Amino acid sequence: MDKSFGIRILILAAFITGISLFHYMTPLHVAYIHDIFQRLYYLPIILAALWFGLHGGLLCSVIVSLVYAPHILFQWGGHFDMEAEKYLEIILYNTVGGVTGLLSQRERERTVELQQSARVLEESYGKLRAQSERIITIEEQLRRSERLSTMGEFAAVLAHEIRNPLGSIRGTAEILKDDYRPGDPKYEFIEIQIRETERLNRVVEEFLHMVKPQPSDIQPCNVQDELETIVTLVSGDAGKRQIELVLQPSPQPVIIRAEGEKLRQAFLNIVLNALQATPPGGRVMISTSVTGNGFCEIGFRDSGSGISADDLNRIYEPFFTTKQDGTGLGLSITRKIVESHKGTMRIESRQGKGTTVIISLPMQECVNGEVS
């Protein structure tokens, strides 16, 4: 802006200086040339008014008047009755400079006001858009809550209508099983029937775990012991898949208050997902650490293909799954178990870079080295 200001001042000075030199150097008998020159003074006056507003227009017209006045007084003789139009021209210089500068200044002020109004409107639009996005998000959450509520009612009805017949079917199958020996085709069919009945019963149980509060058995729990149990359970599956399963313990004991069975279920769901997502020759690493704020973190990291951004946003939705034989309930149940222990669960993943699941849980307070 300073450079532009200087250039404009130089242009005005060049105009005034050039016109004045022509005035003073042109012979007086060429009167019509002087009339043209005195009109040319309006150019710098109008430019100054447009560029610098009222003060600029007035200042430039005063400078032009001071430069033009000696020409009238000394070269034309200064007789008012003879050169009245030239004195009138000086008055017009100042009038044009003042009026043009005032109009220009008001126009600039109006432009600034419009720009400010545009900024305010833009900010208001941004706020309205953010509010509308929040409203849409809340509506989606409400619809999801409604679906979960409907699912809970459905699960209760499903449990009532299916569990009892399932028990009868399984009992009947076990009675029929006694009539056949292993190796008999009918014996194998009955075995399949019993297994499928158990699988269907587990699906019903998963529904119930999601929507029905279960009696809690909170006790001091050693996280490392639970993880070692999980590693023992899945080591055979990991070996068949040719996946390296690594457990990195924390240097210090990590004790929390939890339901051991539920905690194992949550850990097992995550580890099984990691194994299924990791190709042969890959690695699944389980680690524990103390964060220093009364919490511990359990990390599960695999070297699989990762999760897309779209799927990552829906990973906790009930029944959402990318597996052909999945129920879409594992991670929903896992997060519910973690949150019931006053913990948090987050998933970090990039396609082609693997997935990391981090569970943060409050640690058990100790007094004099003993668990309180």
Protein backbone atom coordinates (compact mmCIF):
# COMPACT_ATOMS: atom_id res chain seq x y z
CA MET A 1 0.00 0.00 0.00
CA ASP A 2 2.89 2.43 0.76
CA LYS A 3 4.36 1.88 -2.71
CA SER A 4 0.99 2.52 -4.36
CA PHE A 5 0.55 5.70 -2.30
CA GLY A 6 3.94 7.01 -3.39
CA ILE A 7 3.28 6.27 -7.06
CA ARG A 8 -0.03 8.15 -6.92
CA ILE A 9 1.61 11.19 -5.31
CA LEU A 10 4.26 11.21 -8.03
CA ILE A 11 1.58 11.04 -10.75
CA LEU A 12 -0.31 13.99 -9.24
CA ALA A 13 2.86 16.02 -8.82
CA ALA A 14 3.85 15.30 -12.44
CA PHE A 15 0.43 16.41 -13.69
CA ILE A 16 0.43 19.66 -11.72
CA THR A 17 4.06 20.45 -12.53
CA GLY A 18 3.69 19.72 -16.24
CA ILE A 19 0.46 21.75 -16.66
CA SER A 20 1.95 24.69 -14.73
CA LEU A 21 5.10 24.72 -16.86
CA PHE A 22 3.00 24.78 -20.00
CA HIS A 23 1.03 27.71 -18.55
CA TYR A 24 4.03 29.77 -17.65
CA MET A 25 5.95 29.00 -20.84
CA THR A 26 3.13 29.57 -23.35
CA PRO A 27 2.84 33.13 -24.74
CA LEU A 28 -0.15 35.11 -23.47
CA HIS A 29 -1.48 35.97 -26.89
CA VAL A 30 -2.39 32.27 -27.42
CA ALA A 31 -5.37 32.60 -25.05
CA TYR A 32 -7.24 29.49 -26.20
CA ILE A 33 -4.19 27.33 -25.27
CA HIS A 34 -4.24 28.77 -21.76
CA ASP A 35 -7.96 27.94 -21.53
CA ILE A 36 -7.14 24.31 -22.31
CA PHE A 37 -4.32 24.24 -19.75
CA GLN A 38 -6.48 25.65 -16.95
CA ARG A 39 -9.08 22.95 -17.68
CA LEU A 40 -6.39 20.27 -17.50
CA TYR A 41 -5.91 21.09 -13.81
CA TYR A 42 -9.17 19.23 -13.19
CA LEU A 43 -7.47 15.92 -13.99
CA PRO A 44 -5.12 15.84 -10.96
CA ILE A 45 -7.87 17.30 -8.73
CA ILE A 46 -10.38 14.57 -9.69
CA LEU A 47 -7.73 11.83 -9.46
CA ALA A 48 -6.70 13.02 -5.98
CA ALA A 49 -10.35 13.09 -4.90
CA LEU A 50 -10.93 9.56 -6.21
CA TRP A 51 -7.74 8.17 -4.70
CA PHE A 52 -7.65 9.98 -1.33
CA GLY A 53 -11.20 11.14 -0.67
CA LEU A 54 -12.34 14.55 0.63
CA HIS A 55 -9.03 15.59 2.18
CA GLY A 56 -7.07 14.53 -0.88
CA GLY A 57 -9.37 16.38 -3.28
CA LEU A 58 -9.31 19.60 -1.22
CA LEU A 59 -5.55 19.49 -0.69
CA CYS A 60 -4.87 18.97 -4.39
CA SER A 61 -7.28 21.79 -5.40
CA VAL A 62 -5.58 24.18 -2.94
CA ILE A 63 -2.15 23.28 -4.35
CA VAL A 64 -3.44 23.83 -7.89
CA SER A 65 -4.92 27.19 -6.83
CA LEU A 66 -1.61 28.30 -5.28
CA VAL A 67 0.30 27.25 -8.39
CA TYR A 68 -2.19 28.83 -10.80
CA ALA A 69 -2.72 32.12 -8.87
CA PRO A 70 0.74 33.68 -9.69
CA HIS A 71 0.04 33.09 -13.37
CA ILE A 72 -3.11 35.22 -13.09
CA LEU A 73 -1.57 37.91 -10.88
CA PHE A 74 1.75 38.45 -12.62
CA GLN A 75 1.29 37.33 -16.21
CA TRP A 76 -2.27 38.47 -16.83
CA GLY A 77 -2.01 41.60 -14.71
CA GLY A 78 -4.30 40.57 -11.88
CA HIS A 79 -7.22 42.82 -12.94
CA PHE A 80 -10.33 41.21 -11.50
CA ASP A 81 -12.71 42.84 -13.96
CA MET A 82 -10.63 41.56 -16.89
CA GLU A 83 -9.80 38.06 -15.57
CA ALA A 84 -12.90 37.24 -13.47
CA GLU A 85 -13.37 33.91 -15.19
CA LYS A 86 -9.87 32.83 -14.15
CA TYR A 87 -10.56 33.69 -10.50
CA LEU A 88 -13.84 31.84 -10.83
CA GLU A 89 -11.87 28.85 -12.14
CA ILE A 90 -9.95 28.73 -8.85
CA ILE A 91 -13.23 28.60 -6.95
CA LEU A 92 -14.38 25.77 -9.23
CA TYR A 93 -11.12 23.91 -8.61
CA ASN A 94 -11.83 23.83 -4.88
CA THR A 95 -15.53 23.08 -5.39
CA VAL A 96 -14.85 20.15 -7.71
CA GLY A 97 -12.11 18.84 -5.41
CA GLY A 98 -14.36 19.00 -2.34
CA VAL A 99 -17.51 17.56 -3.94
CA THR A 100 -15.70 14.80 -5.84
CA GLY A 101 -13.63 13.90 -2.77
CA LEU A 102 -16.74 13.78 -0.57
CA LEU A 103 -18.59 11.53 -3.02
CA SER A 104 -15.56 9.29 -3.45
CA GLN A 105 -15.05 9.01 0.32
CA ARG A 106 -18.69 8.13 0.90
CA GLU A 107 -18.50 5.52 -1.84
CA ARG A 108 -15.44 3.93 -0.22
CA GLU A 109 -17.10 3.96 3.19
CA ARG A 110 -20.15 2.33 1.65
CA THR A 111 -17.92 -0.28 0.02
CA VAL A 112 -16.25 -1.02 3.36
CA GLU A 113 -19.68 -1.36 5.01
CA LEU A 114 -20.80 -3.75 2.28
CA GLN A 115 -17.62 -5.80 2.67
CA GLN A 116 -18.14 -5.97 6.43
CA SER A 117 -21.75 -6.99 5.88
CA ALA A 118 -20.58 -9.66 3.44
CA ARG A 119 -18.10 -10.99 6.01
CA VAL A 120 -20.78 -11.02 8.70
CA LEU A 121 -23.15 -12.84 6.35
CA GLU A 122 -20.40 -15.32 5.44
CA GLU A 123 -19.68 -15.97 9.13
CA SER A 124 -23.40 -16.34 9.82
CA TYR A 125 -23.69 -18.75 6.91
CA GLY A 126 -20.74 -20.75 8.28
CA LYS A 127 -22.36 -20.91 11.71
CA LEU A 128 -25.70 -21.94 10.23
CA ARG A 129 -24.01 -24.61 8.16
CA ALA A 130 -22.14 -25.92 11.22
CA GLN A 131 -25.39 -25.92 13.21
CA SER A 132 -27.21 -27.74 10.41
CA GLU A 133 -24.43 -30.33 10.29
CA ARG A 134 -24.70 -30.80 14.06
CA ILE A 135 -28.47 -31.15 13.75
CA ILE A 136 -28.02 -33.77 11.03
CA THR A 137 -25.49 -35.60 13.22
CA ILE A 138 -27.87 -35.51 16.18
CA GLU A 139 -30.71 -36.76 14.00
CA GLU A 140 -28.52 -39.65 12.83
CA GLN A 141 -27.65 -40.46 16.43
CA LEU A 142 -31.33 -40.37 17.36
CA ARG A 143 -32.19 -42.67 14.46
CA ARG A 144 -29.36 -44.99 15.50
CA SER A 145 -30.63 -44.96 19.08
CA GLU A 146 -34.09 -45.73 17.79
CA ARG A 147 -32.73 -48.63 15.77
CA LEU A 148 -30.85 -49.91 18.81
CA SER A 149 -33.98 -49.61 20.91
CA THR A 150 -35.93 -51.53 18.29
CA MET A 151 -33.12 -54.07 18.15
CA GLY A 152 -33.33 -54.47 21.92
CA GLU A 153 -37.03 -55.19 21.75
CA PHE A 154 -36.44 -57.56 18.87
CA ALA A 155 -33.65 -59.31 20.78
CA ALA A 156 -35.90 -59.84 23.79
CA VAL A 157 -38.65 -61.32 21.63
CA LEU A 158 -36.09 -63.39 19.72
CA ALA A 159 -34.59 -64.75 22.93
CA HIS A 160 -38.02 -65.69 24.28
CA GLU A 161 -39.26 -67.28 21.07
CA ILE A 162 -36.07 -69.11 20.06
CA ARG A 163 -34.10 -70.13 23.16
CA ASN A 164 -36.70 -72.54 24.51
CA PRO A 165 -37.24 -74.32 21.15
CA LEU A 166 -33.48 -74.44 20.71
CA GLY A 167 -33.13 -76.21 24.03
CA SER A 168 -35.76 -78.72 23.02
CA ILE A 169 -34.12 -79.32 19.63
CA ARG A 170 -30.71 -79.82 21.19
CA GLY A 171 -32.09 -82.17 23.85
CA THR A 172 -33.90 -84.23 21.23
CA ALA A 173 -30.79 -84.38 19.08
CA GLU A 174 -28.66 -85.59 21.99
CA ILE A 175 -31.22 -88.36 22.72
CA LEU A 176 -31.21 -89.44 19.06
CA LYS A 177 -27.43 -89.33 19.04
CA ASP A 178 -27.30 -92.15 21.58
CA ASP A 179 -29.01 -94.47 19.06
CA TYR A 180 -26.14 -94.22 16.57
CA ARG A 181 -22.44 -94.89 16.71
CA PRO A 182 -19.64 -92.61 15.51
CA GLY A 183 -19.06 -93.09 11.80
CA ASP A 184 -22.72 -93.59 11.01
CA PRO A 185 -23.95 -90.92 8.52
CA LYS A 186 -26.95 -90.13 10.72
CA TYR A 187 -24.61 -89.69 13.71
CA GLU A 188 -22.69 -87.05 11.75
CA PHE A 189 -25.91 -85.29 10.73
CA ILE A 190 -27.00 -85.15 14.36
CA GLU A 191 -23.56 -83.75 15.32
CA ILE A 192 -24.03 -81.00 12.70
CA GLN A 193 -27.50 -80.29 14.07
CA ILE A 194 -26.14 -79.93 17.61
CA ARG A 195 -23.31 -77.64 16.49
CA GLU A 196 -25.63 -75.42 14.46
CA THR A 197 -28.03 -75.27 17.40
CA GLU A 198 -25.18 -74.14 19.65
CA ARG A 199 -24.12 -71.52 17.08
CA LEU A 200 -27.65 -70.13 16.85
CA ASN A 201 -27.84 -70.05 20.63
CA ARG A 202 -24.58 -68.04 20.74
CA VAL A 203 -26.04 -65.49 18.31
CA VAL A 204 -29.03 -65.08 20.60
CA GLU A 205 -26.67 -64.69 23.57
CA GLU A 206 -24.78 -61.94 21.75
CA PHE A 207 -28.05 -60.09 21.24
CA LEU A 208 -28.78 -60.35 24.92
CA HIS A 209 -25.32 -59.16 25.93
CA MET A 210 -25.83 -56.02 23.87
CA VAL A 211 -29.22 -54.98 25.21
CA LYS A 212 -29.59 -56.59 28.62
CA PRO A 213 -27.48 -55.55 31.64
CA GLN A 214 -25.69 -58.54 33.09
CA PRO A 215 -24.87 -59.01 36.77
CA SER A 216 -21.34 -57.80 37.39
CA ASP A 217 -18.57 -59.53 39.29
CA ILE A 218 -15.97 -56.79 39.64
CA GLN A 219 -12.66 -57.98 41.11
CA PRO A 220 -9.00 -57.00 40.92
CA CYS A 221 -7.76 -58.31 37.61
CA ASN A 222 -4.20 -58.68 36.29
CA VAL A 223 -4.32 -57.56 32.67
CA GLN A 224 -1.18 -59.47 31.78
CA ASP A 225 -2.66 -62.76 33.03
CA GLU A 226 -5.79 -62.21 30.96
CA LEU A 227 -3.75 -61.45 27.84
CA GLU A 228 -1.58 -64.52 28.37
CA THR A 229 -4.76 -66.61 28.59
CA ILE A 230 -5.96 -65.13 25.29
CA VAL A 231 -2.59 -65.81 23.62
CA THR A 232 -2.74 -69.41 24.81
CA LEU A 233 -6.26 -69.80 23.40
CA VAL A 234 -5.46 -68.41 19.94
CA SER A 235 -1.85 -69.55 19.50
CA GLY A 236 -2.98 -72.67 17.64
CA ASP A 237 -5.11 -70.64 15.23
CA ALA A 238 -2.24 -68.17 14.74
CA GLY A 239 0.13 -71.04 13.95
CA LYS A 240 -2.24 -72.46 11.34
CA ARG A 241 -2.48 -69.05 9.71
CA GLN A 242 1.36 -68.68 9.83
CA ILE A 243 1.03 -65.47 11.82
CA GLU A 244 3.50 -64.41 14.50
CA LEU A 245 1.71 -63.58 17.77
CA VAL A 246 3.77 -61.37 20.10
CA LEU A 247 2.90 -60.32 23.65
CA GLN A 248 4.88 -57.42 25.11
CA PRO A 249 4.22 -57.07 28.85
CA SER A 250 4.48 -53.85 30.82
CA PRO A 251 7.56 -53.51 33.09
CA GLN A 252 5.22 -53.11 36.06
CA PRO A 253 2.08 -55.05 37.03
CA VAL A 254 -1.10 -53.67 35.50
CA ILE A 255 -4.01 -54.29 37.87
CA ILE A 256 -7.54 -53.10 37.14
CA ARG A 257 -10.96 -53.74 38.63
CA ALA A 258 -12.93 -55.69 36.07
CA GLU A 259 -14.98 -58.73 35.23
CA GLY A 260 -12.35 -61.17 34.03
CA GLU A 261 -14.72 -63.14 31.82
CA LYS A 262 -16.05 -60.07 30.02
CA LEU A 263 -12.58 -58.62 29.69
CA ARG A 264 -11.36 -61.85 28.09
CA GLN A 265 -14.32 -61.74 25.72
CA ALA A 266 -13.43 -58.20 24.65
CA PHE A 267 -9.73 -59.03 24.18
CA LEU A 268 -10.58 -62.23 22.31
CA ASN A 269 -12.87 -60.42 19.87
CA ILE A 270 -10.09 -57.96 19.00
CA VAL A 271 -7.37 -60.60 18.65
CA LEU A 272 -9.55 -62.82 16.45
CA ASN A 273 -10.33 -59.84 14.21
CA ALA A 274 -6.61 -59.07 13.98
CA LEU A 275 -5.74 -62.65 13.05
CA GLN A 276 -8.46 -62.79 10.40
CA ALA A 277 -7.25 -59.50 8.88
CA THR A 278 -3.55 -60.47 8.81
CA PRO A 279 -2.16 -62.43 5.84
CA PRO A 280 0.21 -65.41 6.28
CA GLY A 281 3.66 -64.28 7.33
CA GLY A 282 2.18 -61.26 9.12
CA ARG A 283 2.36 -60.25 12.74
CA VAL A 284 -0.05 -59.44 15.55
CA MET A 285 1.43 -57.60 18.51
CA ILE A 286 -0.21 -57.14 21.91
CA SER A 287 1.29 -54.65 24.35
CA THR A 288 0.44 -53.07 27.71
CA SER A 289 1.66 -49.81 29.17
CA VAL A 290 0.93 -47.41 32.01
CA THR A 291 0.11 -43.89 30.83
CA GLY A 292 0.91 -42.16 34.13
CA ASN A 293 -2.52 -40.62 34.69
CA GLY A 294 -4.03 -43.56 36.52
CA PHE A 295 -4.82 -45.40 33.31
CA CYS A 296 -3.28 -48.28 31.42
CA GLU A 297 -3.38 -48.89 27.69
CA ILE A 298 -3.68 -52.25 25.96
CA GLY A 299 -2.69 -52.10 22.29
CA PHE A 300 -3.48 -54.66 19.59
CA ARG A 301 -1.62 -54.05 16.35
CA ASP A 302 -1.76 -56.15 13.20
CA SER A 303 0.01 -55.97 9.86
CA GLY A 304 -3.11 -56.59 7.82
CA SER A 305 -4.63 -54.67 4.95
CA GLY A 306 -6.20 -52.00 7.17
CA ILE A 307 -9.69 -50.48 7.12
CA SER A 308 -11.00 -47.91 4.66
CA ALA A 309 -12.04 -44.49 5.98
CA ASP A 310 -15.72 -45.13 5.14
CA ASP A 311 -15.76 -48.48 6.94
CA LEU A 312 -13.86 -47.00 9.89
CA ASN A 313 -16.69 -44.52 10.47
CA ARG A 314 -19.19 -47.40 10.71
CA ILE A 315 -17.05 -49.96 12.50
CA TYR A 316 -19.08 -49.87 15.73
CA GLU A 317 -22.51 -50.02 14.09
CA PRO A 318 -24.39 -53.18 15.07
CA PHE A 319 -24.65 -55.69 12.19
CA PHE A 320 -22.12 -53.80 10.06
CA THR A 321 -19.43 -56.20 8.87
CA THR A 322 -17.12 -56.71 5.91
CA LYS A 323 -16.82 -60.46 6.56
CA GLN A 324 -19.00 -62.90 4.69
CA ASP A 325 -19.66 -64.99 7.78
CA GLY A 326 -19.55 -62.14 10.35
CA THR A 327 -22.46 -60.99 12.53
CA GLY A 328 -21.29 -57.38 12.89
CA LEU A 329 -21.69 -57.53 16.67
CA GLY A 330 -18.15 -58.26 17.90
CA LEU A 331 -16.79 -54.70 18.09
CA SER A 332 -20.11 -53.31 19.32
CA ILE A 333 -20.07 -55.76 22.22
CA THR A 334 -16.37 -55.13 22.84
CA ARG A 335 -16.82 -51.37 23.10
CA LYS A 336 -19.80 -51.80 25.39
CA ILE A 337 -17.70 -54.02 27.68
CA VAL A 338 -14.86 -51.47 27.70
CA GLU A 339 -17.21 -48.56 28.44
CA SER A 340 -18.88 -50.56 31.24
CA HIS A 341 -15.42 -50.67 32.85
CA LYS A 342 -15.16 -46.83 32.54
CA GLY A 343 -12.64 -47.17 29.74
CA THR A 344 -12.33 -45.99 26.15
CA MET A 345 -11.60 -47.74 22.90
CA ARG A 346 -10.21 -46.25 19.72
CA ILE A 347 -9.21 -47.71 16.39
CA GLU A 348 -6.49 -46.32 14.13
CA SER A 349 -6.14 -47.77 10.67
CA ARG A 350 -4.83 -47.00 7.19
CA GLN A 351 -5.35 -49.17 4.17
CA GLY A 352 -2.23 -51.16 3.45
CA LYS A 353 -0.68 -50.16 6.81
CA GLY A 354 -2.55 -52.39 9.26
CA THR A 355 -4.84 -51.60 12.18
CA THR A 356 -4.23 -50.67 15.81
CA VAL A 357 -6.86 -51.00 18.54
CA ILE A 358 -6.09 -49.18 21.78
CA ILE A 359 -8.09 -49.79 24.94
CA SER A 360 -7.61 -47.41 27.87
CA LEU A 361 -8.78 -48.58 31.30
CA PRO A 362 -8.52 -47.07 34.81
CA MET A 363 -6.01 -48.90 37.00
CA GLN A 364 -6.69 -50.30 40.44
CA GLU A 365 -5.42 -48.03 43.22
CA CYS A 366 -2.74 -49.49 45.46
CA VAL A 367 -2.03 -48.72 49.10
CA ASN A 368 1.37 -49.67 50.53
CA GLY A 369 2.01 -51.90 47.59
CA GLU A 370 -1.25 -53.83 48.05
CA VAL A 371 -4.35 -53.62 45.93
CA SER A 372 -7.06 -51.66 47.69
